[in-house]
Amino acid sequence: MLKKMMALALLLGVNVSAFANVELVKTRLAQQYPNIKLTHIKPTEMSGLYSAVMDNQVVYINEQAQYLFVGSMIRLKDHRNLTKDMVLENNRIDMKKLALQDAIKTVKGNGQRQLVVFSDPNCPYCKTLDANLQQLNNVTIYTFLYPLKAQSIIPSKQVWCSANPALAWSNLMQKGIQPNAAANCSTPIERNLALGEQLALFGTPAIIFENGHKVMGAYPAAEIEKLWQKMGL
């Protein structure tokens, strides 16, 4: 199996030596410390040191799998925080995994930019974010109803079953008007919860930009605009 993977790496122009060393680190770690689970093991710019992810945190391990390091790696020549770059990359969501038909679609202005939001109707930070999103223009917002709180499941279903889900959601989040639709239609709530778990979204609100970059929290509209500019979106 390893030979086949290395042959594929050659065809793709991948550094086979680095690939083999990663496999060696995995083997040594499994043999010496089988209870330590690392994912996304990759070679770093520093010879003999590899980055990895453990419990959603970037860590570093040496080639002999004897030492584990936690902290930031700074490249001195340009003072770049390489660990921060890795965190941002690891936080990216594959947009192809998002079934946008399971979200409430709201178009503002020309709708050119896109945001995906996972939100719980009983989450106060979600209500703050929803108010902040109203200040944005020229954006299409896809809101996945994501009721992590048990008491949020019924109102989430009622919103989805409303004649105008976008209006029902806005009224609930901004005016506190409870939806009056029956919660007996077919809803994507269970799929949304499964998707959120798959994406490791253990809190709300979550914001995903169209390039897959994910942030958590009630970001002000101005901060979202800055992130758009920074990412060239």
C-alpha atoms as a PDB file:
ATOM      1  CA  MET A   1       0.000   0.000   0.000  1.00  0.00           C
ATOM      2  CA  LEU A   2       2.806   2.398   0.922  1.00  0.00           C
ATOM      3  CA  LYS A   3       4.587   1.676  -2.384  1.00  0.00           C
ATOM      4  CA  LYS A   4       1.412   2.522  -4.319  1.00  0.00           C
ATOM      5  CA  MET A   5       0.991   5.794  -2.419  1.00  0.00           C
ATOM      6  CA  MET A   6       4.627   6.756  -3.030  1.00  0.00           C
ATOM      7  CA  ALA A   7       4.251   5.966  -6.735  1.00  0.00           C
ATOM      8  CA  LEU A   8       1.222   8.246  -6.835  1.00  0.00           C
ATOM      9  CA  ALA A   9       3.218  10.937  -5.048  1.00  0.00           C
ATOM     10  CA  LEU A  10       5.896  10.703  -7.756  1.00  0.00           C
ATOM     11  CA  LEU A  11       3.291  11.152 -10.478  1.00  0.00           C
ATOM     12  CA  LEU A  12       1.914  14.222  -8.702  1.00  0.00           C
ATOM     13  CA  GLY A  13       5.348  15.740  -8.179  1.00  0.00           C
ATOM     14  CA  VAL A  14       5.248  15.396  -4.389  1.00  0.00           C
ATOM     15  CA  ASN A  15       8.478  15.232  -2.373  1.00  0.00           C
ATOM     16  CA  VAL A  16       8.678  11.466  -1.815  1.00  0.00           C
ATOM     17  CA  SER A  17      11.329  11.787   0.892  1.00  0.00           C
ATOM     18  CA  ALA A  18       9.094  14.062   2.957  1.00  0.00           C
ATOM     19  CA  PHE A  19       6.145  11.727   2.362  1.00  0.00           C
ATOM     20  CA  ALA A  20       8.157   8.702   3.507  1.00  0.00           C
ATOM     21  CA  ASN A  21       9.345  10.549   6.606  1.00  0.00           C
ATOM     22  CA  VAL A  22       5.762  11.432   7.548  1.00  0.00           C
ATOM     23  CA  GLU A  23       4.845   7.764   7.306  1.00  0.00           C
ATOM     24  CA  LEU A  24       7.869   6.945   9.459  1.00  0.00           C
ATOM     25  CA  VAL A  25       6.756   9.431  12.121  1.00  0.00           C
ATOM     26  CA  LYS A  26       3.271   7.892  12.113  1.00  0.00           C
ATOM     27  CA  THR A  27       4.724   4.400  12.489  1.00  0.00           C
ATOM     28  CA  ARG A  28       7.069   5.387  15.317  1.00  0.00           C
ATOM     29  CA  LEU A  29       4.307   7.228  17.160  1.00  0.00           C
ATOM     30  CA  ALA A  30       1.932   4.262  16.868  1.00  0.00           C
ATOM     31  CA  GLN A  31       4.609   1.887  18.138  1.00  0.00           C
ATOM     32  CA  GLN A  32       5.892   4.004  21.017  1.00  0.00           C
ATOM     33  CA  TYR A  33       2.809   5.950  22.109  1.00  0.00           C
ATOM     34  CA  PRO A  34      -0.334   4.297  20.684  1.00  0.00           C
ATOM     35  CA  ASN A  35      -2.630   6.364  22.917  1.00  0.00           C
ATOM     36  CA  ILE A  36      -1.508   9.667  21.387  1.00  0.00           C
ATOM     37  CA  LYS A  37      -3.643  10.463  18.360  1.00  0.00           C
ATOM     38  CA  LEU A  38      -2.273  12.989  15.869  1.00  0.00           C
ATOM     39  CA  THR A  39      -3.772  13.932  12.513  1.00  0.00           C
ATOM     40  CA  HIS A  40      -2.634  16.096   9.578  1.00  0.00           C
ATOM     41  CA  ILE A  41       1.056  15.290  10.142  1.00  0.00           C
ATOM     42  CA  LYS A  42       3.174  17.360   7.730  1.00  0.00           C
ATOM     43  CA  PRO A  43       6.845  18.353   7.432  1.00  0.00           C
ATOM     44  CA  THR A  44       7.650  21.926   8.474  1.00  0.00           C
ATOM     45  CA  GLU A  45      10.328  24.291   7.204  1.00  0.00           C
ATOM     46  CA  MET A  46      12.558  23.107  10.059  1.00  0.00           C
ATOM     47  CA  SER A  47      14.400  19.893   9.253  1.00  0.00           C
ATOM     48  CA  GLY A  48      13.272  16.985  11.413  1.00  0.00           C
ATOM     49  CA  LEU A  49      10.213  18.767  12.828  1.00  0.00           C
ATOM     50  CA  TYR A  50       6.622  18.017  11.809  1.00  0.00           C
ATOM     51  CA  SER A  51       3.362  19.821  12.442  1.00  0.00           C
ATOM     52  CA  ALA A  52       0.232  17.929  13.436  1.00  0.00           C
ATOM     53  CA  VAL A  53      -3.188  18.415  14.984  1.00  0.00           C
ATOM     54  CA  MET A  54      -4.164  17.043  18.393  1.00  0.00           C
ATOM     55  CA  ASP A  55      -7.551  17.860  19.948  1.00  0.00           C
ATOM     56  CA  ASN A  56      -8.081  20.649  17.371  1.00  0.00           C
ATOM     57  CA  GLN A  57      -4.748  22.260  18.339  1.00  0.00           C
ATOM     58  CA  VAL A  58      -1.617  22.624  16.216  1.00  0.00           C
ATOM     59  CA  VAL A  59       1.330  20.803  17.796  1.00  0.00           C
ATOM     60  CA  TYR A  60       4.811  19.766  16.655  1.00  0.00           C
ATOM     61  CA  ILE A  61       6.581  16.427  16.857  1.00  0.00           C
ATOM     62  CA  ASN A  62      10.164  15.454  16.071  1.00  0.00           C
ATOM     63  CA  GLU A  63      11.083  12.794  13.522  1.00  0.00           C
ATOM     64  CA  GLN A  64      11.829  10.182  16.177  1.00  0.00           C
ATOM     65  CA  ALA A  65       8.366  10.747  17.704  1.00  0.00           C
ATOM     66  CA  GLN A  66       9.965  11.328  21.095  1.00  0.00           C
ATOM     67  CA  TYR A  67       9.056  14.951  21.759  1.00  0.00           C
ATOM     68  CA  LEU A  68       5.836  16.917  21.391  1.00  0.00           C
ATOM     69  CA  PHE A  69       5.921  20.714  21.256  1.00  0.00           C
ATOM     70  CA  VAL A  70       3.094  23.204  21.779  1.00  0.00           C
ATOM     71  CA  GLY A  71       3.438  26.865  20.845  1.00  0.00           C
ATOM     72  CA  SER A  72       4.002  29.216  17.931  1.00  0.00           C
ATOM     73  CA  MET A  73       6.643  28.728  15.262  1.00  0.00           C
ATOM     74  CA  ILE A  74       7.954  32.117  14.110  1.00  0.00           C
ATOM     75  CA  ARG A  75      10.033  32.468  10.946  1.00  0.00           C
ATOM     76  CA  LEU A  76      12.590  35.082  11.969  1.00  0.00           C
ATOM     77  CA  LYS A  77      13.498  36.451   8.544  1.00  0.00           C
ATOM     78  CA  ASP A  78      10.025  37.932   8.070  1.00  0.00           C
ATOM     79  CA  HIS A  79       8.545  37.455  11.580  1.00  0.00           C
ATOM     80  CA  ARG A  80       5.755  35.336  10.106  1.00  0.00           C
ATOM     81  CA  ASN A  81       3.759  33.210  12.534  1.00  0.00           C
ATOM     82  CA  LEU A  82       3.695  29.871  10.705  1.00  0.00           C
ATOM     83  CA  THR A  83       1.534  28.296  13.395  1.00  0.00           C
ATOM     84  CA  LYS A  84      -1.160  30.907  12.835  1.00  0.00           C
ATOM     85  CA  ASP A  85      -1.094  30.074   9.116  1.00  0.00           C
ATOM     86  CA  MET A  86      -1.597  26.395   9.958  1.00  0.00           C
ATOM     87  CA  VAL A  87      -4.509  27.179  12.279  1.00  0.00           C
ATOM     88  CA  LEU A  88      -6.212  29.178   9.534  1.00  0.00           C
ATOM     89  CA  GLU A  89      -5.655  26.381   7.029  1.00  0.00           C
ATOM     90  CA  ASN A  90      -6.958  23.713   9.408  1.00  0.00           C
ATOM     91  CA  ASN A  91     -10.060  25.820  10.049  1.00  0.00           C
ATOM     92  CA  ARG A  92     -11.055  25.823   6.399  1.00  0.00           C
ATOM     93  CA  ILE A  93     -14.306  24.092   5.541  1.00  0.00           C
ATOM     94  CA  ASP A  94     -14.827  22.232   2.282  1.00  0.00           C
ATOM     95  CA  MET A  95     -17.742  24.207   0.829  1.00  0.00           C
ATOM     96  CA  LYS A  96     -18.739  21.189  -1.254  1.00  0.00           C
ATOM     97  CA  LYS A  97     -19.813  19.499   1.988  1.00  0.00           C
ATOM     98  CA  LEU A  98     -22.448  22.156   2.636  1.00  0.00           C
ATOM     99  CA  ALA A  99     -25.928  21.334   1.340  1.00  0.00           C
ATOM    100  CA  LEU A 100     -27.039  24.927   0.821  1.00  0.00           C
ATOM    101  CA  GLN A 101     -30.580  23.807   0.015  1.00  0.00           C
ATOM    102  CA  ASP A 102     -30.842  22.950   3.726  1.00  0.00           C
ATOM    103  CA  ALA A 103     -30.212  26.571   4.720  1.00  0.00           C
ATOM    104  CA  ILE A 104     -32.374  29.693   4.743  1.00  0.00           C
ATOM    105  CA  LYS A 105     -31.239  31.931   1.893  1.00  0.00           C
ATOM    106  CA  THR A 106     -31.262  35.712   2.331  1.00  0.00           C
ATOM    107  CA  VAL A 107     -30.064  38.000  -0.463  1.00  0.00           C
ATOM    108  CA  LYS A 108     -29.020  41.574   0.302  1.00  0.00           C
ATOM    109  CA  GLY A 109     -28.205  43.992  -2.513  1.00  0.00           C
ATOM    110  CA  ASN A 110     -26.651  42.218  -5.485  1.00  0.00           C
ATOM    111  CA  GLY A 111     -25.857  39.155  -3.341  1.00  0.00           C
ATOM    112  CA  GLN A 112     -22.406  38.877  -4.908  1.00  0.00           C
ATOM    113  CA  ARG A 113     -20.552  37.850  -1.753  1.00  0.00           C
ATOM    114  CA  GLN A 114     -21.470  34.782   0.276  1.00  0.00           C
ATOM    115  CA  LEU A 115     -21.595  33.880   3.938  1.00  0.00           C
ATOM    116  CA  VAL A 116     -22.710  30.672   5.605  1.00  0.00           C
ATOM    117  CA  VAL A 117     -23.918  30.873   9.206  1.00  0.00           C
ATOM    118  CA  PHE A 118     -24.771  28.129  11.698  1.00  0.00           C
ATOM    119  CA  SER A 119     -27.141  29.577  14.279  1.00  0.00           C
ATOM    120  CA  ASP A 120     -29.265  28.551  17.272  1.00  0.00           C
ATOM    121  CA  PRO A 121     -32.425  30.618  17.952  1.00  0.00           C
ATOM    122  CA  ASN A 122     -31.823  30.584  21.722  1.00  0.00           C
ATOM    123  CA  CYS A 123     -28.170  31.609  21.487  1.00  0.00           C
ATOM    124  CA  PRO A 124     -27.756  35.289  22.522  1.00  0.00           C
ATOM    125  CA  TYR A 125     -24.549  35.639  20.508  1.00  0.00           C
ATOM    126  CA  CYS A 126     -26.421  34.346  17.458  1.00  0.00           C
ATOM    127  CA  LYS A 127     -28.976  37.130  17.888  1.00  0.00           C
ATOM    128  CA  THR A 128     -26.168  39.674  18.098  1.00  0.00           C
ATOM    129  CA  LEU A 129     -24.581  38.275  14.946  1.00  0.00           C
ATOM    130  CA  ASP A 130     -27.920  38.297  13.133  1.00  0.00           C
ATOM    131  CA  ALA A 131     -28.291  42.007  13.934  1.00  0.00           C
ATOM    132  CA  ASN A 132     -24.738  42.633  12.718  1.00  0.00           C
ATOM    133  CA  LEU A 133     -25.419  40.815   9.453  1.00  0.00           C
ATOM    134  CA  GLN A 134     -28.296  43.202   8.751  1.00  0.00           C
ATOM    135  CA  GLN A 135     -25.690  45.950   8.337  1.00  0.00           C
ATOM    136  CA  LEU A 136     -23.972  44.157   5.448  1.00  0.00           C
ATOM    137  CA  ASN A 137     -24.835  44.755   1.810  1.00  0.00           C
ATOM    138  CA  ASN A 138     -24.298  42.887  -1.450  1.00  0.00           C
ATOM    139  CA  VAL A 139     -24.190  39.499   0.226  1.00  0.00           C
ATOM    140  CA  THR A 140     -26.067  36.211   0.099  1.00  0.00           C
ATOM    141  CA  ILE A 141     -26.396  34.686   3.557  1.00  0.00           C
ATOM    142  CA  TYR A 142     -27.132  30.985   4.011  1.00  0.00           C
ATOM    143  CA  THR A 143     -28.348  30.315   7.552  1.00  0.00           C
ATOM    144  CA  PHE A 144     -28.268  26.726   8.738  1.00  0.00           C
ATOM    145  CA  LEU A 145     -30.711  26.239  11.603  1.00  0.00           C
ATOM    146  CA  TYR A 146     -28.461  24.563  14.157  1.00  0.00           C
ATOM    147  CA  PRO A 147     -30.366  24.008  17.427  1.00  0.00           C
ATOM    148  CA  LEU A 148     -27.719  22.798  19.859  1.00  0.00           C
ATOM    149  CA  LYS A 149     -30.049  23.636  22.744  1.00  0.00           C
ATOM    150  CA  ALA A 150     -32.925  21.175  23.233  1.00  0.00           C
ATOM    151  CA  GLN A 151     -35.441  24.006  23.580  1.00  0.00           C
ATOM    152  CA  SER A 152     -34.372  25.332  20.175  1.00  0.00           C
ATOM    153  CA  ILE A 153     -35.456  22.318  18.134  1.00  0.00           C
ATOM    154  CA  ILE A 154     -39.194  23.097  17.959  1.00  0.00           C
ATOM    155  CA  PRO A 155     -38.828  26.816  17.084  1.00  0.00           C
ATOM    156  CA  SER A 156     -36.203  25.905  14.472  1.00  0.00           C
ATOM    157  CA  LYS A 157     -38.641  23.485  12.861  1.00  0.00           C
ATOM    158  CA  GLN A 158     -41.414  26.088  13.061  1.00  0.00           C
ATOM    159  CA  VAL A 159     -39.213  28.620  11.273  1.00  0.00           C
ATOM    160  CA  TRP A 160     -38.439  26.155   8.494  1.00  0.00           C
ATOM    161  CA  CYS A 161     -42.104  25.189   8.143  1.00  0.00           C
ATOM    162  CA  SER A 162     -43.218  28.827   7.855  1.00  0.00           C
ATOM    163  CA  ALA A 163     -44.498  30.181   4.541  1.00  0.00           C
ATOM    164  CA  ASN A 164     -41.541  32.596   4.529  1.00  0.00           C
ATOM    165  CA  PRO A 165     -38.697  31.030   6.570  1.00  0.00           C
ATOM    166  CA  ALA A 166     -36.361  34.015   6.076  1.00  0.00           C
ATOM    167  CA  LEU A 167     -38.968  36.424   7.469  1.00  0.00           C
ATOM    168  CA  ALA A 168     -39.879  34.049  10.300  1.00  0.00           C
ATOM    169  CA  TRP A 169     -36.197  33.760  11.243  1.00  0.00           C
ATOM    170  CA  SER A 170     -35.660  37.516  11.161  1.00  0.00           C
ATOM    171  CA  ASN A 171     -38.768  38.133  13.281  1.00  0.00           C
ATOM    172  CA  LEU A 172     -37.668  35.533  15.819  1.00  0.00           C
ATOM    173  CA  MET A 173     -34.072  36.711  16.119  1.00  0.00           C
ATOM    174  CA  GLN A 174     -34.592  40.473  15.918  1.00  0.00           C
ATOM    175  CA  LYS A 175     -38.088  41.019  17.315  1.00  0.00           C
ATOM    176  CA  GLY A 176     -38.615  37.986  19.518  1.00  0.00           C
ATOM    177  CA  ILE A 177     -41.742  37.023  17.567  1.00  0.00           C
ATOM    178  CA  GLN A 178     -42.255  33.292  17.900  1.00  0.00           C
ATOM    179  CA  PRO A 179     -43.214  31.496  14.665  1.00  0.00           C
ATOM    180  CA  ASN A 180     -46.757  30.137  14.668  1.00  0.00           C
ATOM    181  CA  ALA A 181     -46.342  27.497  11.976  1.00  0.00           C
ATOM    182  CA  ALA A 182     -46.790  23.863  12.939  1.00  0.00           C
ATOM    183  CA  ALA A 183     -43.516  21.979  13.294  1.00  0.00           C
ATOM    184  CA  ASN A 184     -44.770  19.022  11.284  1.00  0.00           C
ATOM    185  CA  CYS A 185     -43.243  19.560   7.844  1.00  0.00           C
ATOM    186  CA  SER A 186     -40.107  17.842   6.553  1.00  0.00           C
ATOM    187  CA  THR A 187     -37.095  19.775   7.867  1.00  0.00           C
ATOM    188  CA  PRO A 188     -33.301  19.542   7.472  1.00  0.00           C
ATOM    189  CA  ILE A 189     -32.680  19.993  11.212  1.00  0.00           C
ATOM    190  CA  GLU A 190     -31.311  16.492  11.807  1.00  0.00           C
ATOM    191  CA  ARG A 191     -29.088  16.762   8.733  1.00  0.00           C
ATOM    192  CA  ASN A 192     -27.841  20.166   9.897  1.00  0.00           C
ATOM    193  CA  LEU A 193     -26.938  18.784  13.322  1.00  0.00           C
ATOM    194  CA  ALA A 194     -25.090  15.867  11.730  1.00  0.00           C
ATOM    195  CA  LEU A 195     -23.279  18.236   9.369  1.00  0.00           C
ATOM    196  CA  GLY A 196     -22.244  20.520  12.216  1.00  0.00           C
ATOM    197  CA  GLU A 197     -20.849  17.583  14.158  1.00  0.00           C
ATOM    198  CA  GLN A 198     -18.939  16.449  11.080  1.00  0.00           C
ATOM    199  CA  LEU A 199     -17.471  19.952  10.744  1.00  0.00           C
ATOM    200  CA  ALA A 200     -16.613  20.044  14.480  1.00  0.00           C
ATOM    201  CA  LEU A 201     -18.945  22.977  15.145  1.00  0.00           C
ATOM    202  CA  PHE A 202     -19.439  22.579  18.877  1.00  0.00           C
ATOM    203  CA  GLY A 203     -20.796  26.071  19.473  1.00  0.00           C
ATOM    204  CA  THR A 204     -22.687  28.892  17.818  1.00  0.00           C
ATOM    205  CA  PRO A 205     -22.615  31.110  15.941  1.00  0.00           C
ATOM    206  CA  ALA A 206     -20.219  29.884  13.269  1.00  0.00           C
ATOM    207  CA  ILE A 207     -19.430  31.935  10.162  1.00  0.00           C
ATOM    208  CA  ILE A 208     -17.972  30.367   7.030  1.00  0.00           C
ATOM    209  CA  PHE A 209     -16.683  32.517   4.182  1.00  0.00           C
ATOM    210  CA  GLU A 210     -16.925  31.386   0.569  1.00  0.00           C
ATOM    211  CA  ASN A 211     -13.236  30.391   0.545  1.00  0.00           C
ATOM    212  CA  GLY A 212     -13.946  27.979   3.417  1.00  0.00           C
ATOM    213  CA  HIS A 213     -12.413  30.135   6.162  1.00  0.00           C
ATOM    214  CA  LYS A 214     -14.286  29.619   9.443  1.00  0.00           C
ATOM    215  CA  VAL A 215     -14.602  31.927  12.435  1.00  0.00           C
ATOM    216  CA  MET A 216     -16.652  31.568  15.590  1.00  0.00           C
ATOM    217  CA  GLY A 217     -18.558  34.299  17.383  1.00  0.00           C
ATOM    218  CA  ALA A 218     -20.711  37.396  16.908  1.00  0.00           C
ATOM    219  CA  TYR A 219     -18.377  39.311  14.604  1.00  0.00           C
ATOM    220  CA  PRO A 220     -19.306  42.979  14.021  1.00  0.00           C
ATOM    221  CA  ALA A 221     -20.168  43.924  10.439  1.00  0.00           C
ATOM    222  CA  ALA A 222     -17.013  46.045  10.181  1.00  0.00           C
ATOM    223  CA  GLU A 223     -14.831  43.068  11.153  1.00  0.00           C
ATOM    224  CA  ILE A 224     -16.526  40.867   8.559  1.00  0.00           C
ATOM    225  CA  GLU A 225     -15.852  43.539   5.931  1.00  0.00           C
ATOM    226  CA  LYS A 226     -12.178  43.622   6.989  1.00  0.00           C
ATOM    227  CA  LEU A 227     -11.930  39.847   6.664  1.00  0.00           C
ATOM    228  CA  TRP A 228     -13.471  40.005   3.197  1.00  0.00           C
ATOM    229  CA  GLN A 229     -10.869  42.576   2.168  1.00  0.00           C
ATOM    230  CA  LYS A 230      -8.007  40.628   3.749  1.00  0.00           C
ATOM    231  CA  MET A 231      -9.032  37.437   1.943  1.00  0.00           C
ATOM    232  CA  GLY A 232      -9.708  39.234  -1.332  1.00  0.00           C
ATOM    233  CA  LEU A 233     -13.374  38.242  -1.414  1.00  0.00           C
END
